[in-house]
Amino acid sequence: MSKKLSRPPVSLLDKYDGPGFQTLYATKVTVSGGEAQHGRASGTARSDDGELELQLRLPPVFGGPGGGTNPEQLFAASFGACFHGALNLLAEKHGVEVPDASVEVEVAFGRDPVDGQHALTAHVTVRLPGMNRKLAEELVRATERICPYAKLVRQGIESSVRVVT
């Protein structure tokens, strides 16, 4: 018998007033290179708890065979899931029902005109069928302010890169 799925508590929306970043959850995913010794082309992504194991493949547009996912799809899925969750928590907190809400995230990988290298763009479309437009816009704008992924794409993220040999 499987455990019934439930929503996270609305208390996740409670403001935090501490001296530094407070970790509520952390995970680790390791990407290895696979056959082509290239994580993006033939790699595997595995989480430390074993719940995630994905084959990474170049999409055909880059000359790859497809048949696996890629970083842009993973980022779009992560952003969409987080935004949808935050939207639903806010709606619940304010007594608004959004049973048919959906969030579509389009992520594009391309050339950056600033430095000639690569960059991503992300565009979010939120569908709230049957909801008053003004209320829908207010709910989505409030979600933009609290969704960690929306904050990430708007203002960046604390990050580091280190080398271990």
N, C-alpha and C. Protein backbone atom coordinates (compact mmCIF):
# COMPACT_ATOMS: atom_id res chain seq x y z
N MET A 1 0.85 -1.17 0.00
CA MET A 1 0.00 0.00 0.00
C MET A 1 0.90 1.24 0.00
N SER A 2 0.68 2.13 -0.95
CA SER A 2 1.51 3.33 -1.02
C SER A 2 0.91 4.44 -0.17
N LYS A 3 1.80 5.31 0.26
CA LYS A 3 1.38 6.44 1.08
C LYS A 3 0.67 7.47 0.20
N LYS A 4 -0.43 8.02 0.72
CA LYS A 4 -1.19 9.04 -0.01
C LYS A 4 -0.34 10.30 -0.17
N LEU A 5 -0.33 10.84 -1.38
CA LEU A 5 0.42 12.06 -1.63
C LEU A 5 -0.33 13.25 -1.05
N SER A 6 0.40 14.17 -0.49
CA SER A 6 -0.23 15.36 0.07
C SER A 6 0.57 16.60 -0.30
N ARG A 7 -0.08 17.74 -0.15
CA ARG A 7 0.55 19.02 -0.45
C ARG A 7 1.47 19.41 0.70
N PRO A 8 2.48 20.23 0.42
CA PRO A 8 3.30 20.74 1.52
C PRO A 8 2.48 21.73 2.36
N PRO A 9 2.91 21.97 3.58
CA PRO A 9 2.16 22.89 4.44
C PRO A 9 2.29 24.34 3.98
N VAL A 10 1.22 25.09 4.16
CA VAL A 10 1.22 26.52 3.82
C VAL A 10 2.26 27.25 4.67
N SER A 11 2.66 26.67 5.78
CA SER A 11 3.67 27.30 6.65
C SER A 11 4.99 27.51 5.92
N LEU A 12 5.19 26.85 4.77
CA LEU A 12 6.40 27.12 3.98
C LEU A 12 6.45 28.58 3.53
N LEU A 13 5.28 29.23 3.51
CA LEU A 13 5.23 30.64 3.11
C LEU A 13 5.58 31.59 4.25
N ASP A 14 5.71 31.07 5.49
CA ASP A 14 6.05 31.93 6.62
C ASP A 14 7.41 32.58 6.39
N LYS A 15 7.50 33.84 6.73
CA LYS A 15 8.76 34.58 6.56
C LYS A 15 9.79 34.10 7.57
N TYR A 16 11.03 34.10 7.14
CA TYR A 16 12.18 33.73 7.98
C TYR A 16 12.95 35.00 8.28
N ASP A 17 13.39 35.14 9.51
CA ASP A 17 14.13 36.33 9.91
C ASP A 17 15.37 35.92 10.68
N GLY A 18 16.25 35.19 10.02
CA GLY A 18 17.46 34.71 10.67
C GLY A 18 18.69 35.40 10.15
N PRO A 19 19.83 35.07 10.72
CA PRO A 19 21.08 35.75 10.37
C PRO A 19 21.69 35.30 9.05
N GLY A 20 21.34 34.13 8.55
CA GLY A 20 21.92 33.65 7.30
C GLY A 20 20.98 32.68 6.62
N PHE A 21 21.44 32.11 5.54
CA PHE A 21 20.65 31.15 4.78
C PHE A 21 20.29 29.97 5.68
N GLN A 22 19.03 29.58 5.68
CA GLN A 22 18.57 28.45 6.46
C GLN A 22 18.19 27.33 5.50
N THR A 23 18.96 26.26 5.48
CA THR A 23 18.67 25.13 4.59
C THR A 23 17.48 24.35 5.12
N LEU A 24 16.50 24.15 4.25
CA LEU A 24 15.34 23.33 4.59
C LEU A 24 15.45 21.95 3.93
N TYR A 25 16.15 21.88 2.83
CA TYR A 25 16.35 20.63 2.10
C TYR A 25 17.57 20.82 1.21
N ALA A 26 18.37 19.79 1.09
CA ALA A 26 19.52 19.83 0.19
C ALA A 26 19.62 18.49 -0.51
N THR A 27 20.10 18.51 -1.72
CA THR A 27 20.30 17.29 -2.48
C THR A 27 21.58 17.42 -3.28
N LYS A 28 22.04 16.30 -3.77
CA LYS A 28 23.25 16.29 -4.57
C LYS A 28 23.01 15.39 -5.77
N VAL A 29 23.34 15.87 -6.96
CA VAL A 29 23.22 15.08 -8.18
C VAL A 29 24.60 15.04 -8.82
N THR A 30 25.02 13.85 -9.21
CA THR A 30 26.31 13.67 -9.87
C THR A 30 26.07 13.31 -11.33
N VAL A 31 26.78 14.01 -12.21
CA VAL A 31 26.71 13.73 -13.64
C VAL A 31 28.04 13.12 -14.06
N SER A 32 27.96 11.99 -14.75
CA SER A 32 29.16 11.36 -15.31
C SER A 32 29.04 11.37 -16.82
N GLY A 33 30.14 11.10 -17.51
CA GLY A 33 30.22 11.32 -18.95
C GLY A 33 29.71 10.24 -19.87
N GLY A 34 29.66 9.00 -19.45
CA GLY A 34 29.14 7.94 -20.31
C GLY A 34 30.02 7.65 -21.51
N GLU A 35 29.42 7.04 -22.52
CA GLU A 35 30.13 6.55 -23.71
C GLU A 35 30.98 7.61 -24.40
N ALA A 36 30.44 8.80 -24.59
CA ALA A 36 31.17 9.87 -25.27
C ALA A 36 32.04 10.66 -24.29
N GLN A 37 32.05 10.26 -23.04
CA GLN A 37 32.78 10.99 -21.99
C GLN A 37 32.42 12.47 -21.99
N HIS A 38 31.13 12.72 -22.12
CA HIS A 38 30.60 14.08 -22.20
C HIS A 38 29.22 14.06 -21.55
N GLY A 39 29.11 14.67 -20.37
CA GLY A 39 27.87 14.61 -19.62
C GLY A 39 26.64 15.01 -20.40
N ARG A 40 26.76 16.03 -21.23
CA ARG A 40 25.61 16.53 -21.99
C ARG A 40 25.25 15.58 -23.14
N ALA A 41 26.25 14.92 -23.71
CA ALA A 41 26.02 14.07 -24.89
C ALA A 41 25.62 12.65 -24.55
N SER A 42 26.21 12.10 -23.48
CA SER A 42 25.97 10.68 -23.20
C SER A 42 26.02 10.37 -21.71
N GLY A 43 25.81 11.38 -20.90
CA GLY A 43 25.98 11.20 -19.47
C GLY A 43 24.80 10.59 -18.75
N THR A 44 25.02 10.40 -17.47
CA THR A 44 23.98 9.95 -16.56
C THR A 44 23.95 10.91 -15.38
N ALA A 45 22.76 11.30 -14.96
CA ALA A 45 22.59 12.13 -13.78
C ALA A 45 21.97 11.26 -12.70
N ARG A 46 22.65 11.19 -11.52
CA ARG A 46 22.15 10.36 -10.41
C ARG A 46 22.13 11.19 -9.13
N SER A 47 21.01 11.09 -8.42
CA SER A 47 20.92 11.80 -7.14
C SER A 47 21.52 10.94 -6.04
N ASP A 48 21.94 11.61 -4.97
CA ASP A 48 22.57 10.92 -3.85
C ASP A 48 21.63 9.95 -3.14
N ASP A 49 20.31 10.15 -3.25
CA ASP A 49 19.37 9.24 -2.59
C ASP A 49 18.87 8.15 -3.54
N GLY A 50 19.33 8.16 -4.79
CA GLY A 50 18.94 7.14 -5.75
C GLY A 50 17.58 7.33 -6.39
N GLU A 51 16.86 8.37 -6.03
CA GLU A 51 15.52 8.60 -6.57
C GLU A 51 15.54 9.12 -8.01
N LEU A 52 16.65 9.71 -8.42
CA LEU A 52 16.77 10.25 -9.77
C LEU A 52 17.92 9.54 -10.48
N GLU A 53 17.63 9.00 -11.63
CA GLU A 53 18.67 8.45 -12.49
C GLU A 53 18.20 8.64 -13.92
N LEU A 54 18.85 9.55 -14.62
CA LEU A 54 18.43 9.93 -15.96
C LEU A 54 19.57 9.80 -16.96
N GLN A 55 19.21 9.39 -18.16
CA GLN A 55 20.17 9.38 -19.26
C GLN A 55 20.14 10.75 -19.92
N LEU A 56 21.29 11.36 -20.06
CA LEU A 56 21.40 12.66 -20.71
C LEU A 56 21.86 12.45 -22.15
N ARG A 57 21.19 13.11 -23.08
CA ARG A 57 21.53 12.96 -24.49
C ARG A 57 21.40 14.31 -25.19
N LEU A 58 22.25 14.51 -26.18
CA LEU A 58 22.12 15.69 -27.02
C LEU A 58 20.85 15.56 -27.85
N PRO A 59 20.10 16.64 -27.96
CA PRO A 59 18.93 16.57 -28.83
C PRO A 59 19.39 16.54 -30.30
N PRO A 60 18.54 16.04 -31.18
CA PRO A 60 18.91 15.96 -32.60
C PRO A 60 19.38 17.29 -33.20
N VAL A 61 18.86 18.41 -32.73
CA VAL A 61 19.27 19.71 -33.27
C VAL A 61 20.78 19.95 -33.11
N PHE A 62 21.40 19.28 -32.13
CA PHE A 62 22.85 19.39 -31.92
C PHE A 62 23.60 18.19 -32.49
N GLY A 63 22.91 17.38 -33.29
CA GLY A 63 23.55 16.22 -33.89
C GLY A 63 23.48 14.98 -33.02
N GLY A 64 22.76 15.06 -31.91
CA GLY A 64 22.63 13.91 -31.02
C GLY A 64 21.51 13.00 -31.45
N PRO A 65 21.42 11.83 -30.79
CA PRO A 65 20.40 10.87 -31.14
C PRO A 65 19.06 11.09 -30.43
N GLY A 66 19.03 12.01 -29.46
CA GLY A 66 17.85 12.12 -28.62
C GLY A 66 17.81 10.90 -27.71
N GLY A 67 16.65 10.50 -27.27
CA GLY A 67 16.54 9.30 -26.46
C GLY A 67 16.89 9.50 -25.00
N GLY A 68 17.04 10.71 -24.58
CA GLY A 68 17.30 11.04 -23.18
C GLY A 68 16.93 12.49 -22.97
N THR A 69 17.09 12.94 -21.77
CA THR A 69 16.74 14.33 -21.48
C THR A 69 17.98 15.20 -21.59
N ASN A 70 17.82 16.49 -21.37
CA ASN A 70 18.94 17.42 -21.45
C ASN A 70 18.79 18.50 -20.38
N PRO A 71 19.84 19.26 -20.13
CA PRO A 71 19.79 20.25 -19.05
C PRO A 71 18.67 21.28 -19.20
N GLU A 72 18.34 21.66 -20.42
CA GLU A 72 17.29 22.66 -20.60
C GLU A 72 15.92 22.09 -20.19
N GLN A 73 15.66 20.84 -20.54
CA GLN A 73 14.40 20.21 -20.14
C GLN A 73 14.34 20.07 -18.63
N LEU A 74 15.45 19.68 -18.03
CA LEU A 74 15.48 19.52 -16.57
C LEU A 74 15.25 20.86 -15.87
N PHE A 75 15.88 21.92 -16.37
CA PHE A 75 15.69 23.23 -15.77
C PHE A 75 14.25 23.71 -15.94
N ALA A 76 13.69 23.50 -17.14
CA ALA A 76 12.30 23.91 -17.38
C ALA A 76 11.35 23.15 -16.45
N ALA A 77 11.58 21.86 -16.29
CA ALA A 77 10.73 21.06 -15.40
C ALA A 77 10.86 21.53 -13.95
N SER A 78 12.08 21.80 -13.52
CA SER A 78 12.31 22.25 -12.15
C SER A 78 11.66 23.60 -11.89
N PHE A 79 11.87 24.52 -12.81
CA PHE A 79 11.29 25.86 -12.68
C PHE A 79 9.76 25.75 -12.66
N GLY A 80 9.20 24.99 -13.60
CA GLY A 80 7.75 24.85 -13.67
C GLY A 80 7.15 24.21 -12.43
N ALA A 81 7.80 23.17 -11.93
CA ALA A 81 7.29 22.49 -10.73
C ALA A 81 7.32 23.41 -9.52
N CYS A 82 8.40 24.14 -9.36
CA CYS A 82 8.53 25.05 -8.22
C CYS A 82 7.49 26.19 -8.33
N PHE A 83 7.36 26.76 -9.51
CA PHE A 83 6.42 27.86 -9.70
C PHE A 83 4.99 27.38 -9.45
N HIS A 84 4.66 26.22 -9.99
CA HIS A 84 3.31 25.66 -9.79
C HIS A 84 3.04 25.41 -8.31
N GLY A 85 4.03 24.88 -7.61
CA GLY A 85 3.87 24.63 -6.18
C GLY A 85 3.67 25.91 -5.39
N ALA A 86 4.49 26.92 -5.69
CA ALA A 86 4.38 28.20 -4.98
C ALA A 86 3.03 28.86 -5.28
N LEU A 87 2.60 28.79 -6.53
CA LEU A 87 1.30 29.34 -6.94
C LEU A 87 0.18 28.69 -6.14
N ASN A 88 0.21 27.38 -6.03
CA ASN A 88 -0.83 26.66 -5.29
C ASN A 88 -0.81 26.96 -3.81
N LEU A 89 0.38 27.09 -3.21
CA LEU A 89 0.46 27.44 -1.79
C LEU A 89 -0.12 28.83 -1.55
N LEU A 90 0.22 29.78 -2.40
CA LEU A 90 -0.33 31.14 -2.25
C LEU A 90 -1.85 31.14 -2.41
N ALA A 91 -2.32 30.42 -3.41
CA ALA A 91 -3.76 30.35 -3.64
C ALA A 91 -4.46 29.76 -2.42
N GLU A 92 -3.90 28.67 -1.88
CA GLU A 92 -4.49 28.04 -0.70
C GLU A 92 -4.49 28.99 0.50
N LYS A 93 -3.39 29.69 0.68
CA LYS A 93 -3.29 30.63 1.81
C LYS A 93 -4.37 31.71 1.73
N HIS A 94 -4.73 32.10 0.52
CA HIS A 94 -5.71 33.17 0.33
C HIS A 94 -7.11 32.64 0.00
N GLY A 95 -7.30 31.32 0.14
CA GLY A 95 -8.62 30.74 -0.07
C GLY A 95 -9.09 30.75 -1.50
N VAL A 96 -8.15 30.74 -2.43
CA VAL A 96 -8.48 30.75 -3.85
C VAL A 96 -8.23 29.35 -4.41
N GLU A 97 -9.16 28.85 -5.19
CA GLU A 97 -9.00 27.52 -5.80
C GLU A 97 -8.43 27.65 -7.20
N VAL A 98 -7.41 26.84 -7.50
CA VAL A 98 -6.80 26.82 -8.83
C VAL A 98 -6.62 25.37 -9.29
N PRO A 99 -7.73 24.61 -9.37
CA PRO A 99 -7.63 23.17 -9.63
C PRO A 99 -7.04 22.82 -10.99
N ASP A 100 -7.22 23.67 -11.98
CA ASP A 100 -6.74 23.36 -13.33
C ASP A 100 -5.53 24.20 -13.73
N ALA A 101 -4.84 24.75 -12.75
CA ALA A 101 -3.67 25.58 -13.05
C ALA A 101 -2.58 24.75 -13.72
N SER A 102 -1.91 25.35 -14.68
CA SER A 102 -0.74 24.72 -15.28
C SER A 102 0.32 25.78 -15.53
N VAL A 103 1.56 25.33 -15.48
CA VAL A 103 2.68 26.23 -15.71
C VAL A 103 3.54 25.62 -16.81
N GLU A 104 3.74 26.39 -17.85
CA GLU A 104 4.58 25.97 -18.98
C GLU A 104 5.84 26.83 -18.96
N VAL A 105 7.00 26.20 -19.02
CA VAL A 105 8.25 26.94 -19.03
C VAL A 105 9.01 26.58 -20.30
N GLU A 106 9.31 27.59 -21.09
CA GLU A 106 10.10 27.40 -22.30
C GLU A 106 11.51 27.90 -22.02
N VAL A 107 12.48 27.01 -22.11
CA VAL A 107 13.88 27.35 -21.90
C VAL A 107 14.59 27.22 -23.23
N ALA A 108 15.35 28.23 -23.59
CA ALA A 108 16.13 28.21 -24.83
C ALA A 108 17.61 28.34 -24.50
N PHE A 109 18.41 27.57 -25.18
CA PHE A 109 19.88 27.61 -25.11
C PHE A 109 20.33 28.31 -26.37
N GLY A 110 21.17 29.32 -26.22
CA GLY A 110 21.60 30.05 -27.42
C GLY A 110 22.84 30.85 -27.19
N ARG A 111 23.13 31.69 -28.14
CA ARG A 111 24.32 32.55 -28.11
C ARG A 111 24.01 33.86 -27.40
N ASP A 112 24.95 34.26 -26.55
CA ASP A 112 24.83 35.49 -25.78
C ASP A 112 25.50 36.62 -26.56
N PRO A 113 24.75 37.65 -26.94
CA PRO A 113 25.34 38.75 -27.70
C PRO A 113 26.33 39.58 -26.87
N VAL A 114 26.28 39.45 -25.56
CA VAL A 114 27.17 40.23 -24.70
C VAL A 114 28.60 39.72 -24.79
N ASP A 115 28.79 38.40 -24.67
CA ASP A 115 30.15 37.86 -24.68
C ASP A 115 30.40 36.84 -25.80
N GLY A 116 29.41 36.58 -26.63
CA GLY A 116 29.57 35.64 -27.72
C GLY A 116 29.55 34.18 -27.30
N GLN A 117 29.37 33.92 -26.02
CA GLN A 117 29.33 32.54 -25.53
C GLN A 117 27.88 32.06 -25.50
N HIS A 118 27.53 31.29 -24.49
CA HIS A 118 26.18 30.72 -24.42
C HIS A 118 25.40 31.30 -23.25
N ALA A 119 24.08 31.28 -23.39
CA ALA A 119 23.19 31.76 -22.34
C ALA A 119 21.86 31.03 -22.46
N LEU A 120 21.06 31.15 -21.44
CA LEU A 120 19.72 30.59 -21.43
C LEU A 120 18.69 31.71 -21.35
N THR A 121 17.53 31.46 -21.90
CA THR A 121 16.38 32.31 -21.65
C THR A 121 15.28 31.40 -21.10
N ALA A 122 14.41 31.97 -20.31
CA ALA A 122 13.29 31.21 -19.76
C ALA A 122 12.04 32.08 -19.81
N HIS A 123 10.97 31.50 -20.31
CA HIS A 123 9.69 32.20 -20.41
C HIS A 123 8.61 31.32 -19.82
N VAL A 124 7.85 31.89 -18.90
CA VAL A 124 6.84 31.15 -18.15
C VAL A 124 5.44 31.59 -18.62
N THR A 125 4.59 30.61 -18.86
CA THR A 125 3.18 30.87 -19.16
C THR A 125 2.36 30.14 -18.12
N VAL A 126 1.53 30.90 -17.40
CA VAL A 126 0.68 30.32 -16.36
C VAL A 126 -0.75 30.33 -16.88
N ARG A 127 -1.37 29.17 -16.86
CA ARG A 127 -2.77 29.06 -17.29
C ARG A 127 -3.65 28.85 -16.05
N LEU A 128 -4.61 29.75 -15.89
CA LEU A 128 -5.56 29.68 -14.77
C LEU A 128 -6.97 29.79 -15.35
N PRO A 129 -7.44 28.71 -15.99
CA PRO A 129 -8.74 28.76 -16.67
C PRO A 129 -9.88 29.10 -15.71
N GLY A 130 -10.72 30.00 -16.19
CA GLY A 130 -11.91 30.38 -15.44
C GLY A 130 -11.68 31.41 -14.34
N MET A 131 -10.42 31.80 -14.10
CA MET A 131 -10.15 32.77 -13.04
C MET A 131 -10.26 34.20 -13.58
N ASN A 132 -10.77 35.09 -12.76
CA ASN A 132 -10.80 36.51 -13.07
C ASN A 132 -9.38 36.97 -13.42
N ARG A 133 -9.22 37.69 -14.53
CA ARG A 133 -7.89 38.07 -15.02
C ARG A 133 -7.09 38.88 -13.99
N LYS A 134 -7.73 39.84 -13.34
CA LYS A 134 -7.04 40.69 -12.37
C LYS A 134 -6.52 39.84 -11.20
N LEU A 135 -7.34 38.94 -10.70
CA LEU A 135 -6.93 38.07 -9.60
C LEU A 135 -5.81 37.14 -10.06
N ALA A 136 -5.93 36.61 -11.28
CA ALA A 136 -4.90 35.73 -11.82
C ALA A 136 -3.55 36.46 -11.90
N GLU A 137 -3.56 37.68 -12.40
CA GLU A 137 -2.33 38.46 -12.53
C GLU A 137 -1.72 38.76 -11.15
N GLU A 138 -2.56 39.10 -10.18
CA GLU A 138 -2.06 39.36 -8.82
C GLU A 138 -1.42 38.11 -8.22
N LEU A 139 -2.07 36.97 -8.41
CA LEU A 139 -1.56 35.71 -7.88
C LEU A 139 -0.23 35.35 -8.53
N VAL A 140 -0.14 35.51 -9.83
CA VAL A 140 1.11 35.18 -10.54
C VAL A 140 2.23 36.14 -10.14
N ARG A 141 1.96 37.41 -10.02
CA ARG A 141 2.99 38.39 -9.61
C ARG A 141 3.48 38.08 -8.20
N ALA A 142 2.57 37.71 -7.31
CA ALA A 142 2.97 37.35 -5.95
C ALA A 142 3.82 36.08 -5.97
N THR A 143 3.46 35.14 -6.85
CA THR A 143 4.24 33.91 -6.97
C THR A 143 5.64 34.21 -7.47
N GLU A 144 5.78 35.13 -8.40
CA GLU A 144 7.10 35.52 -8.91
C GLU A 144 8.01 36.01 -7.78
N ARG A 145 7.43 36.65 -6.78
CA ARG A 145 8.23 37.20 -5.69
C ARG A 145 8.69 36.14 -4.70
N ILE A 146 7.99 34.98 -4.64
CA ILE A 146 8.37 33.99 -3.63
C ILE A 146 8.97 32.71 -4.21
N CYS A 147 8.76 32.42 -5.49
CA CYS A 147 9.29 31.20 -6.09
C CYS A 147 10.80 31.30 -6.20
N PRO A 148 11.55 30.38 -5.57
CA PRO A 148 13.01 30.43 -5.63
C PRO A 148 13.57 30.39 -7.05
N TYR A 149 12.93 29.68 -7.95
CA TYR A 149 13.42 29.63 -9.34
C TYR A 149 13.20 30.95 -10.04
N ALA A 150 12.05 31.59 -9.80
CA ALA A 150 11.81 32.91 -10.38
C ALA A 150 12.82 33.91 -9.85
N LYS A 151 13.12 33.81 -8.55
CA LYS A 151 14.14 34.69 -7.97
C LYS A 151 15.51 34.41 -8.58
N LEU A 152 15.82 33.14 -8.79
CA LEU A 152 17.09 32.75 -9.40
C LEU A 152 17.27 33.39 -10.77
N VAL A 153 16.26 33.28 -11.63
CA VAL A 153 16.42 33.83 -12.97
C VAL A 153 16.39 35.35 -12.98
N ARG A 154 15.80 35.95 -11.97
CA ARG A 154 15.73 37.40 -11.90
C ARG A 154 16.97 38.02 -11.27
N GLN A 155 17.51 37.40 -10.22
CA GLN A 155 18.59 38.05 -9.48
C GLN A 155 19.83 37.20 -9.28
N GLY A 156 19.85 35.98 -9.80
CA GLY A 156 21.03 35.13 -9.63
C GLY A 156 20.90 34.26 -8.40
N ILE A 157 21.97 33.53 -8.10
CA ILE A 157 21.98 32.57 -7.01
C ILE A 157 23.38 32.52 -6.41
N GLU A 158 23.44 32.30 -5.12
CA GLU A 158 24.75 32.08 -4.50
C GLU A 158 25.27 30.75 -5.03
N SER A 159 26.49 30.74 -5.51
CA SER A 159 27.04 29.50 -6.06
C SER A 159 28.56 29.50 -5.90
N SER A 160 29.11 28.31 -6.06
CA SER A 160 30.57 28.18 -6.04
C SER A 160 30.96 27.02 -6.93
N VAL A 161 32.17 27.02 -7.38
CA VAL A 161 32.74 25.92 -8.15
C VAL A 161 34.06 25.59 -7.51
N ARG A 162 34.28 24.30 -7.20
CA ARG A 162 35.56 23.91 -6.61
C ARG A 162 36.10 22.70 -7.36
N VAL A 163 37.39 22.51 -7.26
CA VAL A 163 38.05 21.41 -7.94
C VAL A 163 38.57 20.44 -6.90
N VAL A 164 38.34 19.15 -7.14
CA VAL A 164 38.87 18.09 -6.29
C VAL A 164 39.63 17.15 -7.22
N THR A 165 40.88 16.86 -6.89
CA THR A 165 41.65 15.96 -7.73
C THR A 165 41.98 14.67 -7.00
